[in-house]
PDB file of N, CA and C in Angstrom:
ATOM      1  N   UNK A   1     -12.305   2.649  -0.542  1.00  0.00           N
ATOM      2  CA  UNK A   1     -10.826   1.726  -0.092  1.00  0.00           C
ATOM      3  C   UNK A   1     -10.677   0.803  -1.236  1.00  0.00           C
ATOM      4  N   UNK A   2      -8.921   0.597  -1.169  1.00  0.00           N
ATOM      5  CA  UNK A   2      -8.364  -0.101  -2.135  1.00  0.00           C
ATOM      6  C   UNK A   2      -7.657  -1.118  -1.197  1.00  0.00           C
ATOM      7  N   UNK A   3      -6.914  -0.492   0.059  1.00  0.00           N
ATOM      8  CA  UNK A   3      -6.135  -1.367   0.552  1.00  0.00           C
ATOM      9  C   UNK A   3      -6.530  -1.816   2.486  1.00  0.00           C
ATOM     10  N   UNK A   4      -6.104  -2.448   2.599  1.00  0.00           N
ATOM     11  CA  UNK A   4      -6.551  -2.115   4.011  1.00  0.00           C
ATOM     12  C   UNK A   4      -5.377  -3.050   5.074  1.00  0.00           C
ATOM     13  N   UNK A   5      -4.936  -2.691   5.890  1.00  0.00           N
ATOM     14  CA  UNK A   5      -3.885  -2.841   6.937  1.00  0.00           C
ATOM     15  C   UNK A   5      -4.036  -3.306   8.080  1.00  0.00           C
ATOM     16  N   UNK A   6      -3.353  -4.696   8.162  1.00  0.00           N
ATOM     17  CA  UNK A   6      -3.465  -5.354   9.606  1.00  0.00           C
ATOM     18  C   UNK A   6      -2.454  -5.419   9.961  1.00  0.00           C
ATOM     19  N   UNK A   7      -2.509  -4.913  11.446  1.00  0.00           N
ATOM     20  CA  UNK A   7      -1.292  -4.260  12.128  1.00  0.00           C
ATOM     21  C   UNK A   7      -1.370  -4.633  13.097  1.00  0.00           C
ATOM     22  N   UNK A   8       0.035  -4.943  13.491  1.00  0.00           N
ATOM     23  CA  UNK A   8       0.409  -5.187  15.278  1.00  0.00           C
ATOM     24  C   UNK A   8       1.333  -4.766  15.969  1.00  0.00           C
ATOM     25  N   UNK A   9       1.618  -5.153  17.149  1.00  0.00           N
ATOM     26  CA  UNK A   9       2.880  -5.004  17.768  1.00  0.00           C
ATOM     27  C   UNK A   9       3.436  -5.877  17.820  1.00  0.00           C
ATOM     28  N   UNK A  10       4.915  -5.379  17.601  1.00  0.00           N
ATOM     29  CA  UNK A  10       6.075  -6.815  17.628  1.00  0.00           C
ATOM     30  C   UNK A  10       6.888  -7.050  19.079  1.00  0.00           C
ATOM     31  N   UNK A  11       7.661  -7.943  19.255  1.00  0.00           N
ATOM     32  CA  UNK A  11       8.228  -7.705  20.971  1.00  0.00           C
ATOM     33  C   UNK A  11       8.859  -6.904  20.833  1.00  0.00           C
ATOM     34  N   UNK A  12       9.889  -6.006  20.056  1.00  0.00           N
ATOM     35  CA  UNK A  12      10.413  -4.829  20.144  1.00  0.00           C
ATOM     36  C   UNK A  12       9.713  -3.582  20.320  1.00  0.00           C
ATOM     37  N   UNK A  13       8.342  -3.530  20.486  1.00  0.00           N
ATOM     38  CA  UNK A  13       7.503  -2.597  20.571  1.00  0.00           C
ATOM     39  C   UNK A  13       7.387  -1.668  19.114  1.00  0.00           C
ATOM     40  N   UNK A  14       7.675  -2.347  18.261  1.00  0.00           N
ATOM     41  CA  UNK A  14       7.265  -1.577  16.681  1.00  0.00           C
ATOM     42  C   UNK A  14       6.260  -1.993  15.848  1.00  0.00           C
ATOM     43  N   UNK A  15       5.399  -1.074  15.917  1.00  0.00           N
ATOM     44  CA  UNK A  15       4.070  -1.280  15.210  1.00  0.00           C
ATOM     45  C   UNK A  15       4.627  -2.230  13.114  1.00  0.00           C
ATOM     46  N   UNK A  16       3.785  -3.411  13.186  1.00  0.00           N
ATOM     47  CA  UNK A  16       4.329  -3.306  12.064  1.00  0.00           C
ATOM     48  C   UNK A  16       3.158  -4.050  10.911  1.00  0.00           C
ATOM     49  N   UNK A  17       3.082  -4.354   9.703  1.00  0.00           N
ATOM     50  CA  UNK A  17       1.674  -4.415   9.150  1.00  0.00           C
ATOM     51  C   UNK A  17       1.959  -5.637   8.245  1.00  0.00           C
ATOM     52  N   UNK A  18       0.738  -6.127   7.898  1.00  0.00           N
ATOM     53  CA  UNK A  18       0.357  -6.732   5.857  1.00  0.00           C
ATOM     54  C   UNK A  18      -0.871  -6.109   5.901  1.00  0.00           C
ATOM     55  N   UNK A  19      -0.763  -5.868   4.400  1.00  0.00           N
ATOM     56  CA  UNK A  19      -1.189  -5.157   3.733  1.00  0.00           C
ATOM     57  C   UNK A  19      -2.337  -6.412   2.826  1.00  0.00           C
ATOM     58  N   UNK A  20      -4.200  -6.375   2.673  1.00  0.00           N
ATOM     59  CA  UNK A  20      -4.674  -7.114   1.752  1.00  0.00           C
ATOM     60  C   UNK A  20      -4.966  -5.953   0.987  1.00  0.00           C
ATOM     61  N   UNK A  21      -5.684  -6.524  -0.456  1.00  0.00           N
ATOM     62  CA  UNK A  21      -6.783  -5.831  -1.128  1.00  0.00           C
ATOM     63  C   UNK A  21      -8.082  -5.949  -0.719  1.00  0.00           C
ATOM     64  N   UNK A  22      -8.881  -5.175  -1.207  1.00  0.00           N
ATOM     65  CA  UNK A  22     -10.528  -5.174  -0.826  1.00  0.00           C
ATOM     66  C   UNK A  22     -10.914  -6.362  -1.239  1.00  0.00           C
ATOM     67  N   UNK A  23     -10.593  -6.978  -2.806  1.00  0.00           N
ATOM     68  CA  UNK A  23     -11.266  -7.894  -2.919  1.00  0.00           C
ATOM     69  C   UNK A  23     -10.894  -9.562  -1.957  1.00  0.00           C
ATOM     70  N   UNK A  24     -10.412  -9.391  -1.315  1.00  0.00           N
ATOM     71  CA  UNK A  24      -9.189 -10.695  -0.358  1.00  0.00           C
ATOM     72  C   UNK A  24     -10.129 -10.219   1.173  1.00  0.00           C
ATOM     73  N   UNK A  25     -10.699  -8.922   1.746  1.00  0.00           N
ATOM     74  CA  UNK A  25     -10.686  -8.708   2.469  1.00  0.00           C
ATOM     75  C   UNK A  25     -11.655  -9.404   3.459  1.00  0.00           C
ATOM     76  N   UNK A  26     -13.294 -10.028   2.910  1.00  0.00           N
ATOM     77  CA  UNK A  26     -13.975 -10.423   3.848  1.00  0.00           C
ATOM     78  C   UNK A  26     -13.395 -11.740   3.962  1.00  0.00           C
ATOM     79  N   UNK A  27     -12.977 -12.340   3.381  1.00  0.00           N
ATOM     80  CA  UNK A  27     -12.285 -13.811   3.767  1.00  0.00           C
ATOM     81  C   UNK A  27     -11.031 -13.789   4.737  1.00  0.00           C
ATOM     82  N   UNK A  28     -10.381 -12.547   4.931  1.00  0.00           N
ATOM     83  CA  UNK A  28      -9.134 -12.213   6.010  1.00  0.00           C
ATOM     84  C   UNK A  28     -10.097 -11.690   7.166  1.00  0.00           C
ATOM     85  N   UNK A  29     -11.460 -11.305   7.137  1.00  0.00           N
ATOM     86  CA  UNK A  29     -11.764 -10.417   8.467  1.00  0.00           C
ATOM     87  C   UNK A  29     -11.776 -12.301   9.388  1.00  0.00           C
ATOM     88  N   UNK A  30     -12.321 -13.055   8.443  1.00  0.00           N
ATOM     89  CA  UNK A  30     -12.384 -13.883   9.734  1.00  0.00           C
ATOM     90  C   UNK A  30     -11.473 -14.905   9.942  1.00  0.00           C
ATOM     91  N   UNK A  31     -10.450 -15.077   8.260  1.00  0.00           N
ATOM     92  CA  UNK A  31      -9.520 -16.367   8.767  1.00  0.00           C
ATOM     93  C   UNK A  31      -8.339 -15.778   9.139  1.00  0.00           C
ATOM     94  N   UNK A  32      -8.191 -14.001   9.224  1.00  0.00           N
ATOM     95  CA  UNK A  32      -6.934 -13.374   9.195  1.00  0.00           C
ATOM     96  C   UNK A  32      -5.890 -13.533   7.881  1.00  0.00           C
ATOM     97  N   UNK A  33      -4.673 -13.074   8.419  1.00  0.00           N
ATOM     98  CA  UNK A  33      -3.895 -13.343   7.226  1.00  0.00           C
ATOM     99  C   UNK A  33      -2.624 -13.654   8.050  1.00  0.00           C
ATOM    100  N   UNK A  34      -1.473 -14.644   7.364  1.00  0.00           N
ATOM    101  CA  UNK A  34      -0.712 -14.954   7.457  1.00  0.00           C
ATOM    102  C   UNK A  34       0.769 -14.439   7.713  1.00  0.00           C
ATOM    103  N   UNK A  35       1.138 -14.889   8.987  1.00  0.00           N
ATOM    104  CA  UNK A  35       2.624 -14.127   9.157  1.00  0.00           C
ATOM    105  C   UNK A  35       3.742 -15.457   9.772  1.00  0.00           C
ATOM    106  N   UNK A  36       4.829 -15.098   9.231  1.00  0.00           N
ATOM    107  CA  UNK A  36       5.880 -15.829   9.762  1.00  0.00           C
ATOM    108  C   UNK A  36       5.788 -15.947  10.903  1.00  0.00           C
ATOM    109  N   UNK A  37       6.514 -16.699  11.793  1.00  0.00           N
ATOM    110  CA  UNK A  37       6.446 -16.597  13.050  1.00  0.00           C
ATOM    111  C   UNK A  37       8.253 -15.888  13.172  1.00  0.00           C
ATOM    112  N   UNK A  38       9.322 -15.990  12.159  1.00  0.00           N
ATOM    113  CA  UNK A  38      10.102 -15.066  12.808  1.00  0.00           C
ATOM    114  C   UNK A  38      10.344 -13.559  12.647  1.00  0.00           C
ATOM    115  N   UNK A  39       8.549 -12.944  12.448  1.00  0.00           N
ATOM    116  CA  UNK A  39       8.699 -11.693  12.296  1.00  0.00           C
ATOM    117  C   UNK A  39       8.564 -11.380  13.081  1.00  0.00           C
ATOM    118  N   UNK A  40       8.352 -12.426  14.901  1.00  0.00           N
ATOM    119  CA  UNK A  40       8.500 -11.955  15.730  1.00  0.00           C
ATOM    120  C   UNK A  40       9.976 -11.787  16.363  1.00  0.00           C
ATOM    121  N   UNK A  41      11.232 -12.473  15.614  1.00  0.00           N
ATOM    122  CA  UNK A  41      12.016 -12.413  16.284  1.00  0.00           C
ATOM    123  C   UNK A  41      13.089 -11.325  15.336  1.00  0.00           C
ATOM    124  N   UNK A  42      12.170 -10.155  14.780  1.00  0.00           N
ATOM    125  CA  UNK A  42      12.999  -8.917  13.999  1.00  0.00           C
ATOM    126  C   UNK A  42      13.119  -8.281  15.035  1.00  0.00           C
ATOM    127  N   UNK A  43      14.733  -7.533  14.901  1.00  0.00           N
ATOM    128  CA  UNK A  43      15.177  -6.113  15.879  1.00  0.00           C
ATOM    129  C   UNK A  43      14.588  -4.938  15.142  1.00  0.00           C
ATOM    130  N   UNK A  44      14.220  -3.746  15.840  1.00  0.00           N
ATOM    131  CA  UNK A  44      14.607  -2.794  15.183  1.00  0.00           C
ATOM    132  C   UNK A  44      14.740  -2.368  13.807  1.00  0.00           C
ATOM    133  N   UNK A  45      16.288  -3.263  13.457  1.00  0.00           N
ATOM    134  CA  UNK A  45      16.623  -2.824  12.324  1.00  0.00           C
ATOM    135  C   UNK A  45      16.591  -3.620  11.217  1.00  0.00           C
ATOM    136  N   UNK A  46      15.065  -4.595  11.191  1.00  0.00           N
ATOM    137  CA  UNK A  46      14.667  -5.416  10.580  1.00  0.00           C
ATOM    138  C   UNK A  46      15.798  -6.429  10.506  1.00  0.00           C
ATOM    139  N   UNK A  47      16.334  -6.780  11.285  1.00  0.00           N
ATOM    140  CA  UNK A  47      17.805  -7.906  11.433  1.00  0.00           C
ATOM    141  C   UNK A  47      16.914  -8.976  11.869  1.00  0.00           C
ATOM    142  N   UNK A  48      17.262 -10.135  11.740  1.00  0.00           N
ATOM    143  CA  UNK A  48      16.875 -11.122  11.953  1.00  0.00           C
ATOM    144  C   UNK A  48      17.684 -11.909  13.287  1.00  0.00           C
ATOM    145  N   UNK A  49      17.073 -12.212  14.471  1.00  0.00           N
ATOM    146  CA  UNK A  49      17.740 -12.426  15.492  1.00  0.00           C
ATOM    147  C   UNK A  49      17.678 -13.727  15.779  1.00  0.00           C
ATOM    148  N   UNK A  50      18.415 -14.661  16.204  1.00  0.00           N
ATOM    149  CA  UNK A  50      18.648 -16.125  16.867  1.00  0.00           C
ATOM    150  C   UNK A  50      17.727 -16.026  18.238  1.00  0.00           C
ATOM    151  N   UNK A  51      16.466 -16.672  17.847  1.00  0.00           N
ATOM    152  CA  UNK A  51      15.656 -16.614  19.189  1.00  0.00           C
ATOM    153  C   UNK A  51      15.243 -17.932  18.738  1.00  0.00           C
ATOM    154  N   UNK A  52      15.070 -19.004  19.934  1.00  0.00           N
ATOM    155  CA  UNK A  52      14.607 -20.002  19.835  1.00  0.00           C
ATOM    156  C   UNK A  52      13.319 -20.453  19.628  1.00  0.00           C
ATOM    157  N   UNK A  53      12.562 -21.213  18.912  1.00  0.00           N
ATOM    158  CA  UNK A  53      11.328 -21.394  18.356  1.00  0.00           C
ATOM    159  C   UNK A  53      10.607 -20.234  17.080  1.00  0.00           C
ATOM    160  N   UNK A  54      11.524 -19.070  16.907  1.00  0.00           N
ATOM    161  CA  UNK A  54      11.258 -18.243  16.288  1.00  0.00           C
ATOM    162  C   UNK A  54      12.086 -17.893  15.075  1.00  0.00           C
ATOM    163  N   UNK A  55      11.930 -18.989  13.976  1.00  0.00           N
ATOM    164  CA  UNK A  55      12.547 -19.314  12.713  1.00  0.00           C
ATOM    165  C   UNK A  55      11.452 -18.943  11.926  1.00  0.00           C
ATOM    166  N   UNK A  56      12.386 -19.207  10.640  1.00  0.00           N
ATOM    167  CA  UNK A  56      10.986 -19.138   9.889  1.00  0.00           C
ATOM    168  C   UNK A  56      10.349 -20.038   8.691  1.00  0.00           C
ATOM    169  N   UNK A  57      10.546 -20.903   9.863  1.00  0.00           N
ATOM    170  CA  UNK A  57       9.457 -21.959   9.677  1.00  0.00           C
ATOM    171  C   UNK A  57       8.431 -22.304  10.889  1.00  0.00           C
ATOM    172  N   UNK A  58       7.177 -21.956  10.748  1.00  0.00           N
ATOM    173  CA  UNK A  58       5.740 -21.891  10.616  1.00  0.00           C
ATOM    174  C   UNK A  58       5.127 -20.165  10.821  1.00  0.00           C
ATOM    175  N   UNK A  59       3.637 -20.890  10.911  1.00  0.00           N
ATOM    176  CA  UNK A  59       3.219 -19.139  10.609  1.00  0.00           C
ATOM    177  C   UNK A  59       1.816 -19.333  12.186  1.00  0.00           C
ATOM    178  N   UNK A  60       1.413 -17.810  11.689  1.00  0.00           N
ATOM    179  CA  UNK A  60       0.712 -17.517  12.701  1.00  0.00           C
ATOM    180  C   UNK A  60      -0.268 -16.328  12.093  1.00  0.00           C
ATOM    181  N   UNK A  61      -0.849 -15.953  12.947  1.00  0.00           N
ATOM    182  CA  UNK A  61      -2.341 -15.570  11.686  1.00  0.00           C
ATOM    183  C   UNK A  61      -2.990 -14.369  12.944  1.00  0.00           C
ATOM    184  N   UNK A  62      -2.833 -12.931  11.776  1.00  0.00           N
ATOM    185  CA  UNK A  62      -3.387 -11.850  11.982  1.00  0.00           C
ATOM    186  C   UNK A  62      -4.574 -11.629  11.784  1.00  0.00           C
ATOM    187  N   UNK A  63      -5.338 -11.579  12.880  1.00  0.00           N
ATOM    188  CA  UNK A  63      -6.940 -11.745  12.950  1.00  0.00           C
ATOM    189  C   UNK A  63      -7.377 -10.518  13.047  1.00  0.00           C
ATOM    190  N   UNK A  64      -7.757  -9.497  12.569  1.00  0.00           N
ATOM    191  CA  UNK A  64      -8.586  -8.002  12.883  1.00  0.00           C
ATOM    192  C   UNK A  64      -9.577  -8.221  13.481  1.00  0.00           C
ATOM    193  N   UNK A  65      -9.576  -7.299  14.739  1.00  0.00           N
ATOM    194  CA  UNK A  65     -10.649  -6.572  15.651  1.00  0.00           C
ATOM    195  C   UNK A  65     -11.428  -5.114  14.456  1.00  0.00           C
ATOM    196  N   UNK A  66     -12.355  -6.001  14.338  1.00  0.00           N
ATOM    197  CA  UNK A  66     -13.358  -5.254  13.130  1.00  0.00           C
ATOM    198  C   UNK A  66     -13.551  -3.745  13.831  1.00  0.00           C
ATOM    199  N   UNK A  67     -13.452  -3.660  15.155  1.00  0.00           N
ATOM    200  CA  UNK A  67     -14.116  -2.563  16.042  1.00  0.00           C
ATOM    201  C   UNK A  67     -13.412  -1.385  15.927  1.00  0.00           C
ATOM    202  N   UNK A  68     -12.208  -1.984  15.409  1.00  0.00           N
ATOM    203  CA  UNK A  68     -10.606  -1.056  15.633  1.00  0.00           C
ATOM    204  C   UNK A  68     -10.741  -0.498  14.126  1.00  0.00           C
ATOM    205  N   UNK A  69     -11.687  -0.859  12.594  1.00  0.00           N
ATOM    206  CA  UNK A  69     -11.230  -0.324  11.766  1.00  0.00           C
ATOM    207  C   UNK A  69     -10.893   0.972  11.386  1.00  0.00           C
ATOM    208  N   UNK A  70     -10.140   1.916  10.530  1.00  0.00           N
ATOM    209  CA  UNK A  70     -10.131   3.360  10.422  1.00  0.00           C
ATOM    210  C   UNK A  70      -9.588   3.693   9.421  1.00  0.00           C
ATOM    211  N   UNK A  71     -10.098   4.509   8.518  1.00  0.00           N
ATOM    212  CA  UNK A  71      -9.399   4.868   7.627  1.00  0.00           C
ATOM    213  C   UNK A  71      -8.573   6.005   7.401  1.00  0.00           C
ATOM    214  N   UNK A  72      -7.661   5.670   6.852  1.00  0.00           N
ATOM    215  CA  UNK A  72      -5.959   6.479   6.893  1.00  0.00           C
ATOM    216  C   UNK A  72      -5.998   7.785   6.305  1.00  0.00           C
ATOM    217  N   UNK A  73      -6.147   9.149   6.954  1.00  0.00           N
ATOM    218  CA  UNK A  73      -6.407   9.851   6.527  1.00  0.00           C
ATOM    219  C   UNK A  73      -5.103  10.592   5.772  1.00  0.00           C
ATOM    220  N   UNK A  74      -3.831   9.603   5.739  1.00  0.00           N
ATOM    221  CA  UNK A  74      -2.692  10.167   5.371  1.00  0.00           C
ATOM    222  C   UNK A  74      -2.363   8.958   4.301  1.00  0.00           C
ATOM    223  N   UNK A  75      -2.811   8.273   3.888  1.00  0.00           N
ATOM    224  CA  UNK A  75      -2.424   7.185   3.225  1.00  0.00           C
ATOM    225  C   UNK A  75      -3.973   7.368   2.089  1.00  0.00           C
ATOM    226  N   UNK A  76      -4.173   7.332   1.164  1.00  0.00           N
ATOM    227  CA  UNK A  76      -5.439   7.905   0.072  1.00  0.00           C
ATOM    228  C   UNK A  76      -5.808   6.216  -0.153  1.00  0.00           C
ATOM    229  N   UNK A  77      -7.220   5.805  -0.228  1.00  0.00           N
ATOM    230  CA  UNK A  77      -7.959   4.554  -0.193  1.00  0.00           C
ATOM    231  C   UNK A  77      -7.463   3.375   0.627  1.00  0.00           C
ATOM    232  N   UNK A  78      -7.078   3.847   1.802  1.00  0.00           N
ATOM    233  CA  UNK A  78      -6.815   3.217   2.793  1.00  0.00           C
ATOM    234  C   UNK A  78      -6.948   3.028   3.951  1.00  0.00           C
ATOM    235  N   UNK A  79      -7.011   1.726   4.790  1.00  0.00           N
ATOM    236  CA  UNK A  79      -7.792   1.744   6.260  1.00  0.00           C
ATOM    237  C   UNK A  79      -7.199   0.724   6.941  1.00  0.00           C
ATOM    238  N   UNK A  80      -6.878   0.875   8.107  1.00  0.00           N
ATOM    239  CA  UNK A  80      -6.260  -0.185   8.833  1.00  0.00           C
ATOM    240  C   UNK A  80      -7.209  -0.825  10.302  1.00  0.00           C
ATOM    241  N   UNK A  81      -6.867  -1.710  10.636  1.00  0.00           N
ATOM    242  CA  UNK A  81      -7.382  -2.684  11.522  1.00  0.00           C
ATOM    243  C   UNK A  81      -5.747  -3.012  13.045  1.00  0.00           C
ATOM    244  N   UNK A  82      -6.463  -3.186  13.885  1.00  0.00           N
ATOM    245  CA  UNK A  82      -5.238  -3.476  14.754  1.00  0.00           C
ATOM    246  C   UNK A  82      -5.623  -5.035  14.932  1.00  0.00           C
ATOM    247  N   UNK A  83      -4.286  -6.337  15.216  1.00  0.00           N
ATOM    248  CA  UNK A  83      -5.309  -7.456  15.077  1.00  0.00           C
ATOM    249  C   UNK A  83      -4.528  -8.534  16.283  1.00  0.00           C
ATOM    250  N   UNK A  84      -5.271  -9.169  16.081  1.00  0.00           N
ATOM    251  CA  UNK A  84      -4.704 -10.330  17.519  1.00  0.00           C
ATOM    252  C   UNK A  84      -3.561 -11.355  16.644  1.00  0.00           C
ATOM    253  N   UNK A  85      -2.637 -11.687  17.631  1.00  0.00           N
ATOM    254  CA  UNK A  85      -2.191 -12.819  17.003  1.00  0.00           C
ATOM    255  C   UNK A  85      -2.522 -14.414  17.563  1.00  0.00           C
ATOM    256  N   UNK A  86      -3.014 -15.126  16.253  1.00  0.00           N
ATOM    257  CA  UNK A  86      -3.453 -15.859  16.834  1.00  0.00           C
ATOM    258  C   UNK A  86      -2.922 -17.376  16.004  1.00  0.00           C
ATOM    259  N   UNK A  87      -2.347 -18.728  16.926  1.00  0.00           N
ATOM    260  CA  UNK A  87      -1.693 -19.950  16.355  1.00  0.00           C
ATOM    261  C   UNK A  87      -3.346 -20.511  15.419  1.00  0.00           C
ATOM    262  N   UNK A  88      -2.390 -21.456  14.873  1.00  0.00           N
ATOM    263  CA  UNK A  88      -3.069 -22.032  13.450  1.00  0.00           C
ATOM    264  C   UNK A  88      -4.587 -22.368  14.704  1.00  0.00           C
ATOM    265  N   UNK A  89      -4.569 -23.012  15.958  1.00  0.00           N
ATOM    266  CA  UNK A  89      -5.456 -23.349  16.745  1.00  0.00           C
ATOM    267  C   UNK A  89      -6.475 -22.614  17.457  1.00  0.00           C
ATOM    268  N   UNK A  90      -6.116 -21.119  16.857  1.00  0.00           N
ATOM    269  CA  UNK A  90      -6.662 -20.136  17.583  1.00  0.00           C
ATOM    270  C   UNK A  90      -6.533 -19.901  18.577  1.00  0.00           C
ATOM    271  N   UNK A  91      -5.484 -20.109  19.459  1.00  0.00           N
ATOM    272  CA  UNK A  91      -5.221 -19.946  20.839  1.00  0.00           C
ATOM    273  C   UNK A  91      -4.161 -18.452  20.592  1.00  0.00           C
ATOM    274  N   UNK A  92      -3.938 -17.362  21.556  1.00  0.00           N
ATOM    275  CA  UNK A  92      -3.130 -15.959  21.518  1.00  0.00           C
ATOM    276  C   UNK A  92      -2.025 -16.771  21.242  1.00  0.00           C
TER     277      UNK A  92
END
């Protein structure tokens, strides 16, 4: 494996994700990977919508579920995790 994808479902039902290299994976399994809150205000055409509280300032964490690990047969050297979205204080 070279890349691990951290997948989540946004408010519009679109599966999105972020990718990390394998070197950074051990730390990201515990702490997750950062995601701007604004991503939850994107529509299916990737246009940022005006939603109160979901602007470009602020971050959530995508924390992977280790049990969801899957090698991706359609993407060489890649794997994926389903993630929980957590606030900075580790609440959903």
